């Protein structure tokens, strides 16, 4: 009879490979539209649709109810000579931002190298646009509160997007590995 325990694992000798443990653990492949980029992609697809659903009814109401004429006709109580350029400017910039989101979606799904720069530029521009719009309207209506719930919501959404996704675009290994074409 031997003194060895038959149930004890065999003693490993120095230099023997450890059984069932891979010698090199493969790195997770970070290329592709996965991980947090799925949320970015959803935001990119939803953004132009959300803009259309909010802005079309807003501008339709403004032009169909006579509000625009009240703001832009000399002699009316709400008239200011800058209302027409402000409204047309808002419409133009909102259309441009909507088209930019469509272009960004194309860059995103084709994994173009230019995507992160366009994305960062557009989200920062959107935040600056919201702030500028509030300041312009406050200038035109100094006695009115321009920070209604919708404006605060849009500002918060734009600020959160900038604070979360701009740093992600700048430091993410997945972004660097995915957008290379």
N, C-alpha and C. Protein backbone atom coordinates (compact mmCIF):
# COMPACT_ATOMS: atom_id res chain seq x y z
N UNK A 1 0.83 -1.17 0.00
CA UNK A 1 0.00 0.00 0.00
C UNK A 1 0.88 1.24 0.00
N UNK A 2 0.49 2.28 -0.77
CA UNK A 2 1.27 3.51 -0.84
C UNK A 2 0.65 4.56 0.05
N UNK A 3 1.47 5.56 0.39
CA UNK A 3 0.99 6.66 1.24
C UNK A 3 0.31 7.75 0.44
N UNK A 4 0.29 7.66 -0.87
CA UNK A 4 -0.31 8.71 -1.70
C UNK A 4 -1.83 8.63 -1.65
N UNK A 5 -2.48 9.76 -1.64
CA UNK A 5 -3.94 9.84 -1.67
C UNK A 5 -4.38 9.65 -3.11
N UNK A 6 -5.19 8.67 -3.41
CA UNK A 6 -5.60 8.45 -4.80
C UNK A 6 -6.53 9.53 -5.33
N UNK A 7 -7.11 10.32 -4.43
CA UNK A 7 -8.04 11.38 -4.84
C UNK A 7 -7.38 12.75 -4.96
N UNK A 8 -6.14 12.86 -4.58
CA UNK A 8 -5.41 14.13 -4.66
C UNK A 8 -4.99 14.37 -6.09
N UNK A 9 -5.04 15.66 -6.52
CA UNK A 9 -4.59 15.94 -7.89
C UNK A 9 -3.11 15.66 -8.01
N UNK A 10 -2.69 15.26 -9.20
CA UNK A 10 -1.26 14.98 -9.36
C UNK A 10 -0.46 16.26 -9.18
N UNK A 11 0.69 16.13 -8.62
CA UNK A 11 1.57 17.29 -8.42
C UNK A 11 2.12 17.72 -9.77
N UNK A 12 2.02 19.02 -10.02
CA UNK A 12 2.55 19.54 -11.27
C UNK A 12 4.04 19.76 -11.12
N UNK A 13 4.75 19.45 -12.15
CA UNK A 13 6.18 19.71 -12.15
C UNK A 13 6.41 21.10 -12.70
N UNK A 14 7.49 21.70 -12.32
CA UNK A 14 7.85 23.02 -12.80
C UNK A 14 8.01 22.95 -14.31
N UNK A 15 7.31 23.89 -14.98
CA UNK A 15 7.41 23.96 -16.44
C UNK A 15 6.27 23.25 -17.14
N UNK A 16 5.51 22.42 -16.42
CA UNK A 16 4.36 21.75 -17.03
C UNK A 16 3.25 22.77 -17.26
N UNK A 17 2.56 22.67 -18.39
CA UNK A 17 1.42 23.59 -18.60
C UNK A 17 0.30 23.24 -17.63
N UNK A 18 -0.42 24.27 -17.21
CA UNK A 18 -1.56 24.06 -16.33
C UNK A 18 -2.70 23.54 -17.19
N UNK A 19 -3.29 22.41 -16.79
CA UNK A 19 -4.35 21.84 -17.63
C UNK A 19 -5.61 22.71 -17.66
N UNK A 20 -6.28 22.70 -18.81
CA UNK A 20 -7.56 23.39 -19.02
C UNK A 20 -7.49 24.91 -18.87
N UNK A 21 -6.34 25.48 -18.90
CA UNK A 21 -6.21 26.93 -18.85
C UNK A 21 -5.50 27.36 -20.14
N UNK A 22 -6.15 28.17 -20.96
CA UNK A 22 -5.48 28.58 -22.20
C UNK A 22 -4.24 29.41 -21.88
N UNK A 23 -3.24 29.20 -22.71
CA UNK A 23 -1.99 29.92 -22.47
C UNK A 23 -2.15 31.41 -22.71
N UNK A 24 -2.93 31.77 -23.70
CA UNK A 24 -3.14 33.18 -24.00
C UNK A 24 -4.64 33.41 -24.14
N UNK A 25 -5.18 34.32 -23.33
CA UNK A 25 -6.60 34.63 -23.41
C UNK A 25 -6.80 35.61 -24.56
N UNK A 26 -7.61 35.25 -25.56
CA UNK A 26 -7.79 36.15 -26.70
C UNK A 26 -8.53 37.43 -26.29
N UNK A 27 -8.09 38.55 -26.84
CA UNK A 27 -8.76 39.84 -26.59
C UNK A 27 -10.09 39.86 -27.31
N UNK A 28 -11.03 40.45 -26.66
CA UNK A 28 -12.35 40.59 -27.27
C UNK A 28 -12.22 41.49 -28.49
N UNK A 29 -12.83 41.08 -29.58
CA UNK A 29 -12.79 41.88 -30.80
C UNK A 29 -13.70 43.09 -30.62
N UNK A 30 -13.14 44.27 -30.69
CA UNK A 30 -13.91 45.49 -30.47
C UNK A 30 -14.40 46.15 -31.75
N UNK A 31 -14.11 45.56 -32.88
CA UNK A 31 -14.56 46.14 -34.13
C UNK A 31 -16.03 45.78 -34.35
N UNK A 32 -16.78 46.75 -34.84
CA UNK A 32 -18.18 46.48 -35.18
C UNK A 32 -19.14 47.38 -34.43
N UNK A 33 -20.35 47.38 -34.90
CA UNK A 33 -21.40 48.24 -34.34
C UNK A 33 -22.09 47.52 -33.18
N UNK A 34 -21.32 47.24 -32.16
CA UNK A 34 -21.85 46.58 -30.98
C UNK A 34 -21.59 47.42 -29.74
N UNK A 35 -21.80 46.84 -28.59
CA UNK A 35 -21.56 47.54 -27.33
C UNK A 35 -22.39 48.80 -27.23
N UNK A 36 -21.76 49.84 -26.72
CA UNK A 36 -22.45 51.13 -26.52
C UNK A 36 -22.81 51.79 -27.85
N UNK A 37 -22.17 51.39 -28.93
CA UNK A 37 -22.50 51.98 -30.24
C UNK A 37 -23.92 51.64 -30.67
N UNK A 38 -24.50 50.60 -30.08
CA UNK A 38 -25.90 50.29 -30.39
C UNK A 38 -26.79 51.45 -29.94
N UNK A 39 -26.51 52.00 -28.76
CA UNK A 39 -27.29 53.15 -28.27
C UNK A 39 -27.06 54.38 -29.15
N UNK A 40 -25.82 54.57 -29.58
CA UNK A 40 -25.52 55.69 -30.47
C UNK A 40 -26.32 55.53 -31.76
N UNK A 41 -26.32 54.34 -32.32
CA UNK A 41 -27.06 54.07 -33.55
C UNK A 41 -28.55 54.31 -33.40
N UNK A 42 -29.11 53.88 -32.28
CA UNK A 42 -30.54 54.15 -32.04
C UNK A 42 -30.81 55.65 -31.99
N UNK A 43 -29.95 56.38 -31.31
CA UNK A 43 -30.12 57.84 -31.24
C UNK A 43 -30.02 58.48 -32.61
N UNK A 44 -29.11 57.99 -33.43
CA UNK A 44 -28.94 58.55 -34.78
C UNK A 44 -30.16 58.30 -35.64
N UNK A 45 -30.74 57.13 -35.53
CA UNK A 45 -31.93 56.80 -36.31
C UNK A 45 -33.15 57.57 -35.80
N UNK A 46 -33.26 57.70 -34.49
CA UNK A 46 -34.43 58.35 -33.89
C UNK A 46 -34.38 59.87 -34.04
N UNK A 47 -33.20 60.47 -34.02
CA UNK A 47 -33.08 61.94 -34.02
C UNK A 47 -33.84 62.63 -35.16
N UNK A 48 -33.63 62.26 -36.42
CA UNK A 48 -34.38 62.96 -37.47
C UNK A 48 -35.88 62.72 -37.39
N UNK A 49 -36.27 61.52 -36.95
CA UNK A 49 -37.70 61.22 -36.82
C UNK A 49 -38.32 62.05 -35.70
N UNK A 50 -37.60 62.20 -34.60
CA UNK A 50 -38.09 63.01 -33.48
C UNK A 50 -38.19 64.47 -33.89
N UNK A 51 -37.19 64.95 -34.63
CA UNK A 51 -37.22 66.34 -35.10
C UNK A 51 -38.44 66.59 -35.97
N UNK A 52 -38.73 65.68 -36.88
CA UNK A 52 -39.89 65.83 -37.76
C UNK A 52 -41.18 65.84 -36.94
N UNK A 53 -41.27 64.93 -35.96
CA UNK A 53 -42.50 64.83 -35.18
C UNK A 53 -42.73 66.04 -34.28
N UNK A 54 -41.68 66.74 -33.92
CA UNK A 54 -41.82 67.93 -33.07
C UNK A 54 -41.97 69.20 -33.91
N UNK A 55 -41.12 69.35 -34.91
CA UNK A 55 -41.04 70.62 -35.64
C UNK A 55 -42.13 70.82 -36.68
N UNK A 56 -42.53 69.78 -37.37
CA UNK A 56 -43.56 69.95 -38.39
C UNK A 56 -44.86 70.46 -37.77
N UNK A 57 -45.36 69.85 -36.70
CA UNK A 57 -46.58 70.41 -36.08
C UNK A 57 -46.38 71.83 -35.55
N UNK A 58 -45.22 72.11 -34.98
CA UNK A 58 -44.95 73.44 -34.44
C UNK A 58 -45.01 74.51 -35.53
N UNK A 59 -44.27 74.29 -36.60
CA UNK A 59 -44.25 75.29 -37.67
C UNK A 59 -45.57 75.32 -38.44
N UNK A 60 -46.21 74.17 -38.58
CA UNK A 60 -47.52 74.15 -39.24
C UNK A 60 -48.51 75.02 -38.47
N UNK A 61 -48.51 74.86 -37.14
CA UNK A 61 -49.41 75.66 -36.32
C UNK A 61 -49.06 77.14 -36.41
N UNK A 62 -47.78 77.45 -36.39
CA UNK A 62 -47.36 78.85 -36.45
C UNK A 62 -47.84 79.53 -37.73
N UNK A 63 -47.74 78.82 -38.85
CA UNK A 63 -48.12 79.42 -40.13
C UNK A 63 -49.62 79.32 -40.42
N UNK A 64 -50.28 78.31 -39.88
CA UNK A 64 -51.71 78.13 -40.20
C UNK A 64 -52.63 78.93 -39.28
N UNK A 65 -52.18 79.30 -38.10
CA UNK A 65 -53.05 80.03 -37.16
C UNK A 65 -52.88 81.54 -37.25
N UNK A 66 -51.95 82.00 -38.05
CA UNK A 66 -51.73 83.44 -38.16
C UNK A 66 -50.70 83.99 -37.18
N UNK A 67 -50.09 83.11 -36.39
CA UNK A 67 -49.08 83.57 -35.43
C UNK A 67 -47.90 84.22 -36.13
N UNK A 68 -47.47 83.64 -37.24
CA UNK A 68 -46.33 84.19 -37.96
C UNK A 68 -46.64 85.61 -38.46
N UNK A 69 -47.85 85.79 -38.99
CA UNK A 69 -48.24 87.12 -39.48
C UNK A 69 -48.28 88.13 -38.33
N UNK A 70 -48.76 87.70 -37.17
CA UNK A 70 -48.82 88.59 -36.01
C UNK A 70 -47.41 89.03 -35.59
N UNK A 71 -46.47 88.13 -35.66
CA UNK A 71 -45.10 88.44 -35.25
C UNK A 71 -44.36 89.29 -36.28
N UNK A 72 -44.74 89.17 -37.54
CA UNK A 72 -43.94 89.79 -38.61
C UNK A 72 -44.61 90.95 -39.32
N UNK A 73 -45.82 91.30 -38.93
CA UNK A 73 -46.53 92.41 -39.58
C UNK A 73 -46.33 93.69 -38.78
N UNK A 74 -45.74 94.72 -39.41
CA UNK A 74 -45.55 95.99 -38.68
C UNK A 74 -46.89 96.54 -38.19
N UNK A 75 -46.87 97.05 -36.97
CA UNK A 75 -48.07 97.63 -36.38
C UNK A 75 -48.80 96.71 -35.43
N UNK A 76 -48.54 95.39 -35.51
CA UNK A 76 -49.18 94.49 -34.55
C UNK A 76 -48.43 94.54 -33.23
N UNK A 77 -49.11 94.16 -32.16
CA UNK A 77 -48.53 94.26 -30.83
C UNK A 77 -47.27 93.41 -30.65
N UNK A 78 -47.21 92.26 -31.28
CA UNK A 78 -46.07 91.35 -31.12
C UNK A 78 -44.98 91.56 -32.16
N UNK A 79 -45.16 92.53 -33.04
CA UNK A 79 -44.20 92.73 -34.14
C UNK A 79 -42.81 93.09 -33.63
N UNK A 80 -41.86 92.50 -34.27
CA UNK A 80 -40.45 92.88 -34.12
C UNK A 80 -39.81 92.58 -35.47
N UNK A 81 -38.96 93.49 -35.97
CA UNK A 81 -38.39 93.28 -37.31
C UNK A 81 -37.49 92.04 -37.41
N UNK A 82 -37.06 91.48 -36.29
CA UNK A 82 -36.20 90.29 -36.34
C UNK A 82 -36.95 88.97 -36.32
N UNK A 83 -38.29 89.01 -36.08
CA UNK A 83 -39.02 87.77 -36.00
C UNK A 83 -38.94 86.95 -37.29
N UNK A 84 -39.13 87.55 -38.41
CA UNK A 84 -39.08 86.79 -39.68
C UNK A 84 -37.72 86.14 -39.89
N UNK A 85 -36.60 86.90 -39.77
CA UNK A 85 -35.30 86.24 -39.94
C UNK A 85 -35.05 85.14 -38.90
N UNK A 86 -35.52 85.36 -37.67
CA UNK A 86 -35.31 84.34 -36.63
C UNK A 86 -36.08 83.07 -36.96
N UNK A 87 -37.34 83.20 -37.33
CA UNK A 87 -38.15 82.01 -37.65
C UNK A 87 -37.59 81.30 -38.88
N UNK A 88 -37.29 82.04 -39.94
CA UNK A 88 -36.72 81.40 -41.13
C UNK A 88 -35.35 80.79 -40.83
N UNK A 89 -34.58 81.46 -39.99
CA UNK A 89 -33.28 80.91 -39.60
C UNK A 89 -33.42 79.62 -38.81
N UNK A 90 -34.38 79.60 -37.87
CA UNK A 90 -34.64 78.38 -37.12
C UNK A 90 -35.03 77.23 -38.04
N UNK A 91 -35.93 77.51 -38.96
CA UNK A 91 -36.38 76.47 -39.89
C UNK A 91 -35.19 75.97 -40.70
N UNK A 92 -34.40 76.88 -41.23
CA UNK A 92 -33.24 76.49 -42.05
C UNK A 92 -32.25 75.66 -41.25
N UNK A 93 -31.92 76.10 -40.04
CA UNK A 93 -30.96 75.35 -39.23
C UNK A 93 -31.51 74.01 -38.78
N UNK A 94 -32.80 73.95 -38.46
CA UNK A 94 -33.39 72.66 -38.09
C UNK A 94 -33.39 71.69 -39.26
N UNK A 95 -33.68 72.16 -40.45
CA UNK A 95 -33.61 71.30 -41.64
C UNK A 95 -32.17 70.84 -41.86
N UNK A 96 -31.21 71.75 -41.70
CA UNK A 96 -29.80 71.40 -41.88
C UNK A 96 -29.37 70.35 -40.85
N UNK A 97 -29.80 70.50 -39.60
CA UNK A 97 -29.46 69.52 -38.58
C UNK A 97 -30.11 68.17 -38.89
N UNK A 98 -31.35 68.19 -39.35
CA UNK A 98 -32.02 66.95 -39.75
C UNK A 98 -31.29 66.25 -40.88
N UNK A 99 -30.87 67.02 -41.87
CA UNK A 99 -30.10 66.43 -42.98
C UNK A 99 -28.74 65.93 -42.51
N UNK A 100 -28.14 66.65 -41.56
CA UNK A 100 -26.87 66.21 -41.00
C UNK A 100 -27.04 64.86 -40.31
N UNK A 101 -28.15 64.66 -39.58
CA UNK A 101 -28.38 63.37 -38.93
C UNK A 101 -28.53 62.25 -39.96
N UNK A 102 -29.17 62.53 -41.08
CA UNK A 102 -29.29 61.52 -42.13
C UNK A 102 -27.90 61.18 -42.67
N UNK A 103 -27.09 62.22 -42.92
CA UNK A 103 -25.72 62.00 -43.40
C UNK A 103 -24.90 61.23 -42.36
N UNK A 104 -25.06 61.58 -41.09
CA UNK A 104 -24.34 60.88 -40.01
C UNK A 104 -24.76 59.42 -39.95
N UNK A 105 -26.04 59.14 -40.18
CA UNK A 105 -26.50 57.75 -40.20
C UNK A 105 -25.81 56.97 -41.32
N UNK A 106 -25.66 57.60 -42.46
CA UNK A 106 -24.96 56.95 -43.58
C UNK A 106 -23.51 56.67 -43.20
N UNK A 107 -22.85 57.66 -42.59
CA UNK A 107 -21.46 57.47 -42.15
C UNK A 107 -21.38 56.36 -41.10
N UNK A 108 -22.33 56.34 -40.19
CA UNK A 108 -22.33 55.36 -39.10
C UNK A 108 -22.46 53.95 -39.65
N UNK A 109 -23.48 53.71 -40.46
CA UNK A 109 -23.73 52.35 -40.93
C UNK A 109 -22.72 51.88 -41.98
N UNK A 110 -22.03 52.81 -42.62
CA UNK A 110 -20.96 52.40 -43.54
C UNK A 110 -19.60 52.44 -42.86
N UNK A 111 -19.58 52.75 -41.58
CA UNK A 111 -18.38 52.73 -40.74
C UNK A 111 -17.27 53.63 -41.26
N UNK A 112 -17.66 54.79 -41.71
CA UNK A 112 -16.70 55.74 -42.27
C UNK A 112 -15.88 56.41 -41.17
N UNK A 113 -14.64 56.68 -41.49
CA UNK A 113 -13.71 57.31 -40.55
C UNK A 113 -14.19 58.70 -40.12
N UNK A 114 -14.93 59.38 -40.97
CA UNK A 114 -15.40 60.73 -40.67
C UNK A 114 -16.55 60.74 -39.66
N UNK A 115 -17.14 59.59 -39.37
CA UNK A 115 -18.31 59.56 -38.49
C UNK A 115 -18.10 60.25 -37.14
N UNK A 116 -17.08 59.89 -36.37
CA UNK A 116 -16.97 60.51 -35.04
C UNK A 116 -16.88 62.03 -35.09
N UNK A 117 -16.17 62.59 -36.05
CA UNK A 117 -16.05 64.06 -36.14
C UNK A 117 -17.39 64.70 -36.48
N UNK A 118 -18.11 64.12 -37.42
CA UNK A 118 -19.42 64.66 -37.78
C UNK A 118 -20.40 64.53 -36.61
N UNK A 119 -20.35 63.41 -35.93
CA UNK A 119 -21.24 63.20 -34.79
C UNK A 119 -20.95 64.23 -33.71
N UNK A 120 -19.69 64.36 -33.33
CA UNK A 120 -19.30 65.32 -32.29
C UNK A 120 -19.69 66.74 -32.70
N UNK A 121 -19.38 67.12 -33.93
CA UNK A 121 -19.72 68.46 -34.40
C UNK A 121 -21.20 68.73 -34.36
N UNK A 122 -22.00 67.76 -34.75
CA UNK A 122 -23.45 67.96 -34.79
C UNK A 122 -24.06 68.04 -33.40
N UNK A 123 -23.61 67.20 -32.47
CA UNK A 123 -24.20 67.27 -31.12
C UNK A 123 -23.78 68.56 -30.41
N UNK A 124 -22.56 69.01 -30.64
CA UNK A 124 -22.13 70.28 -30.04
C UNK A 124 -22.88 71.45 -30.69
N UNK A 125 -23.01 71.43 -32.01
CA UNK A 125 -23.76 72.48 -32.70
C UNK A 125 -25.21 72.52 -32.22
N UNK A 126 -25.81 71.36 -32.01
CA UNK A 126 -27.20 71.30 -31.54
C UNK A 126 -27.34 71.94 -30.17
N UNK A 127 -26.39 71.70 -29.29
CA UNK A 127 -26.43 72.32 -27.95
C UNK A 127 -26.27 73.83 -28.06
N UNK A 128 -25.33 74.29 -28.86
CA UNK A 128 -25.12 75.73 -29.05
C UNK A 128 -26.36 76.36 -29.69
N UNK A 129 -27.00 75.66 -30.60
CA UNK A 129 -28.20 76.16 -31.26
C UNK A 129 -29.34 76.35 -30.26
N UNK A 130 -29.53 75.38 -29.36
CA UNK A 130 -30.59 75.50 -28.35
C UNK A 130 -30.33 76.71 -27.47
N UNK A 131 -29.09 76.87 -27.01
CA UNK A 131 -28.75 78.01 -26.15
C UNK A 131 -28.93 79.32 -26.90
N UNK A 132 -28.44 79.38 -28.12
CA UNK A 132 -28.56 80.61 -28.93
C UNK A 132 -30.01 80.97 -29.19
N UNK A 133 -30.81 79.97 -29.48
CA UNK A 133 -32.23 80.20 -29.75
C UNK A 133 -32.92 80.79 -28.51
N UNK A 134 -32.61 80.26 -27.34
CA UNK A 134 -33.19 80.79 -26.10
C UNK A 134 -32.77 82.25 -25.91
N UNK A 135 -31.50 82.55 -26.15
CA UNK A 135 -31.02 83.92 -25.97
C UNK A 135 -31.66 84.89 -26.96
N UNK A 136 -31.83 84.46 -28.20
CA UNK A 136 -32.46 85.32 -29.21
C UNK A 136 -33.92 85.58 -28.86
N UNK A 137 -34.64 84.54 -28.48
CA UNK A 137 -36.04 84.72 -28.12
C UNK A 137 -36.16 85.59 -26.87
N UNK A 138 -35.26 85.44 -25.93
CA UNK A 138 -35.28 86.29 -24.73
C UNK A 138 -35.02 87.75 -25.11
N UNK A 139 -34.18 87.98 -26.10
CA UNK A 139 -33.93 89.34 -26.58
C UNK A 139 -35.19 89.92 -27.21
N UNK A 140 -35.89 89.10 -27.99
CA UNK A 140 -37.10 89.56 -28.66
C UNK A 140 -38.29 89.70 -27.70
N UNK A 141 -38.31 88.89 -26.66
CA UNK A 141 -39.40 88.93 -25.68
C UNK A 141 -38.79 89.08 -24.28
N UNK A 142 -38.27 90.25 -23.95
CA UNK A 142 -37.54 90.41 -22.67
C UNK A 142 -38.41 90.20 -21.43
N UNK A 143 -39.70 90.40 -21.54
CA UNK A 143 -40.57 90.26 -20.37
C UNK A 143 -41.20 88.88 -20.24
N UNK A 144 -40.90 88.00 -21.17
CA UNK A 144 -41.48 86.66 -21.16
C UNK A 144 -40.46 85.63 -20.67
N UNK A 145 -40.97 84.56 -20.06
CA UNK A 145 -40.11 83.44 -19.66
C UNK A 145 -39.93 82.53 -20.87
N UNK A 146 -38.70 82.32 -21.25
CA UNK A 146 -38.44 81.48 -22.42
C UNK A 146 -38.03 80.06 -22.02
N UNK A 147 -37.89 79.83 -20.72
CA UNK A 147 -37.48 78.51 -20.26
C UNK A 147 -38.70 77.67 -19.90
N UNK A 148 -39.48 77.35 -20.93
CA UNK A 148 -40.64 76.49 -20.73
C UNK A 148 -40.16 75.03 -20.61
N UNK A 149 -41.03 74.12 -20.19
CA UNK A 149 -40.61 72.71 -20.01
C UNK A 149 -40.01 72.08 -21.26
N UNK A 150 -40.55 72.40 -22.44
CA UNK A 150 -40.00 71.81 -23.67
C UNK A 150 -38.59 72.30 -23.94
N UNK A 151 -38.32 73.58 -23.70
CA UNK A 151 -36.99 74.13 -23.92
C UNK A 151 -36.00 73.53 -22.92
N UNK A 152 -36.40 73.42 -21.67
CA UNK A 152 -35.53 72.82 -20.66
C UNK A 152 -35.24 71.36 -21.00
N UNK A 153 -36.26 70.65 -21.47
CA UNK A 153 -36.09 69.25 -21.87
C UNK A 153 -35.11 69.13 -23.03
N UNK A 154 -35.24 70.00 -24.03
CA UNK A 154 -34.35 69.96 -25.19
C UNK A 154 -32.92 70.32 -24.79
N UNK A 155 -32.76 71.33 -23.93
CA UNK A 155 -31.44 71.70 -23.46
C UNK A 155 -30.80 70.55 -22.68
N UNK A 156 -31.57 69.94 -21.78
CA UNK A 156 -31.05 68.83 -20.97
C UNK A 156 -30.66 67.66 -21.85
N UNK A 157 -31.48 67.36 -22.85
CA UNK A 157 -31.18 66.26 -23.77
C UNK A 157 -29.88 66.55 -24.55
N UNK A 158 -29.74 67.77 -25.05
CA UNK A 158 -28.54 68.12 -25.81
C UNK A 158 -27.30 68.12 -24.93
N UNK A 159 -27.43 68.65 -23.72
CA UNK A 159 -26.29 68.68 -22.80
C UNK A 159 -25.87 67.27 -22.40
N UNK A 160 -26.84 66.42 -22.08
CA UNK A 160 -26.52 65.04 -21.71
C UNK A 160 -25.85 64.30 -22.86
N UNK A 161 -26.34 64.52 -24.07
CA UNK A 161 -25.73 63.89 -25.24
C UNK A 161 -24.27 64.31 -25.37
N UNK A 162 -24.01 65.59 -25.21
CA UNK A 162 -22.63 66.09 -25.30
C UNK A 162 -21.75 65.52 -24.19
N UNK A 163 -22.26 65.53 -22.98
CA UNK A 163 -21.45 65.09 -21.84
C UNK A 163 -21.17 63.58 -21.85
N UNK A 164 -22.06 62.81 -22.42
CA UNK A 164 -21.88 61.36 -22.44
C UNK A 164 -21.16 60.90 -23.71
N UNK A 165 -21.67 61.31 -24.87
CA UNK A 165 -21.21 60.69 -26.11
C UNK A 165 -19.99 61.35 -26.74
N UNK A 166 -19.76 62.63 -26.50
CA UNK A 166 -18.54 63.24 -27.06
C UNK A 166 -17.30 62.60 -26.44
N UNK A 167 -17.19 62.49 -25.10
CA UNK A 167 -16.02 61.79 -24.55
C UNK A 167 -15.92 60.34 -25.03
N UNK A 168 -17.07 59.67 -25.15
CA UNK A 168 -17.05 58.29 -25.64
C UNK A 168 -16.45 58.22 -27.04
N UNK A 169 -16.87 59.12 -27.92
CA UNK A 169 -16.33 59.12 -29.29
C UNK A 169 -14.83 59.39 -29.31
N UNK A 170 -14.35 60.17 -28.35
CA UNK A 170 -12.94 60.54 -28.32
C UNK A 170 -12.04 59.47 -27.72
N UNK A 171 -12.54 58.66 -26.79
CA UNK A 171 -11.65 57.71 -26.09
C UNK A 171 -11.97 56.24 -26.34
N UNK A 172 -13.10 55.93 -26.93
CA UNK A 172 -13.51 54.54 -27.08
C UNK A 172 -12.61 53.77 -28.05
N UNK A 173 -12.16 52.59 -27.59
CA UNK A 173 -11.38 51.71 -28.46
C UNK A 173 -12.27 51.13 -29.56
N UNK A 174 -13.53 50.88 -29.22
CA UNK A 174 -14.46 50.35 -30.24
C UNK A 174 -14.67 51.35 -31.36
N UNK A 175 -14.82 52.64 -31.01
CA UNK A 175 -15.00 53.67 -32.04
C UNK A 175 -13.77 53.71 -32.95
N UNK A 176 -12.59 53.68 -32.34
CA UNK A 176 -11.35 53.72 -33.13
C UNK A 176 -11.21 52.50 -34.01
N UNK A 177 -11.66 51.33 -33.54
CA UNK A 177 -11.53 50.10 -34.30
C UNK A 177 -12.62 49.93 -35.36
N UNK A 178 -13.75 50.59 -35.18
CA UNK A 178 -14.89 50.39 -36.07
C UNK A 178 -14.90 51.36 -37.26
N UNK A 179 -14.65 52.62 -37.00
CA UNK A 179 -14.78 53.64 -38.05
C UNK A 179 -13.42 53.87 -38.69
N UNK A 180 -13.09 53.00 -39.66
CA UNK A 180 -11.75 53.03 -40.27
C UNK A 180 -11.78 53.11 -41.80
N UNK A 181 -12.96 53.13 -42.39
CA UNK A 181 -13.04 53.09 -43.86
C UNK A 181 -12.90 54.48 -44.45
